[in-house]
Amino acid sequence: MGMHGIWKLLDQAVETHNIVQYTTAECFKNGAQDCRPMIIGIDASIWMYQVTTVLNYRNTRRGPNPAMQIIYHRLVALLHRRTLLLHTAAVIVFVFDGPERRAIKRGTRVNLKGHPLTAMFCELIRCFGFHVHFAPGEADAELGRLSAENIIDMVQTTDSDVFLFGAKCVMYTPKKKTDGDNIAVYTLENLFITPSGCPGCGAKTAHAIARGSLGDALLHAASQNPVPTTDFVVFLAAWKHDLCQEFLEDPHGLLGRKYKSISQTIADSDFPHADVIFS
């Protein structure tokens, strides 16, 4: 889920840690006198999506509620991990999508009534001693905000969109059978992402462009304008021209070659979308 191919692109930024050693170090990083539990936020919508996908793929309907059986066993595994961390008293918070989520996401209409597993899932989470939090809109956006504002210490997810929403520390959801008690951690210090969304531009080319100054310039301009003002629209037109020139001439040597077709495609398109920039 999230930006296609981004996890592979970030392979060089990932760090592998033993979960007990990592959380213990984080808990005591400010000294024993200032020790506090590590707060880990989990995207609940991904759990429900994965469970539904597994049941549909395998056409499995064992027992009266197979979906909740799977969730139960996943919570047991999570409780085992938390038991390993009892000396640091890790706090687990499941974040759910809220009522203000978008009606259409990635071209697909979203069920705004919520997932049918939500109520039972929340009840089960609380029975295990974990916490429930409902986002105003998208869970991934809320997790990114909570991380950016230092309300939580880590996000556990497979959705790379959390990076776009400001997440500072992300644990890629571990696979118990293969990862054991090791976790893959991505921190803001180890990565820098400037998503491009350029038509016809793949991850490798986008990463090359992101090493330049265009991304920073766009971010700065957007941060100075809470809404798409006339000045911002003028800036965006000039920014788009500069982007086309980067692909057309490669003046800064970021790409290693010229991409005339991509330059023309961008020039003929309505990229970038102001509503995406300010979303």
Foldseek 3Di string as FASTA:
>chain_A
DADPPVVVVCVVLKDKDQQQVVQVCVQQVVHPVRGAAAEEEEAVVVLLVVLVVVCVVVVDDPDPDVSVVVLLVVLVVVLVLVVSNVVSNHAYEYEYFAQPADQADPRRGDDSVGDPCVVVSQVSCVVSVHHYHYDNGHRLLVQLVCQQVVVHPEYEECHPCSVVNHHAKYWDHDDCVPQPSMIMMGGPVRDDDQDFPQVPDDPVQRVLVVVDCLSVVLLVLCVVDLACDPVNVVVVVVSLLVVLCCQQPVPVCSRVDHNNVSSVSSVPDPPPDRVVVND
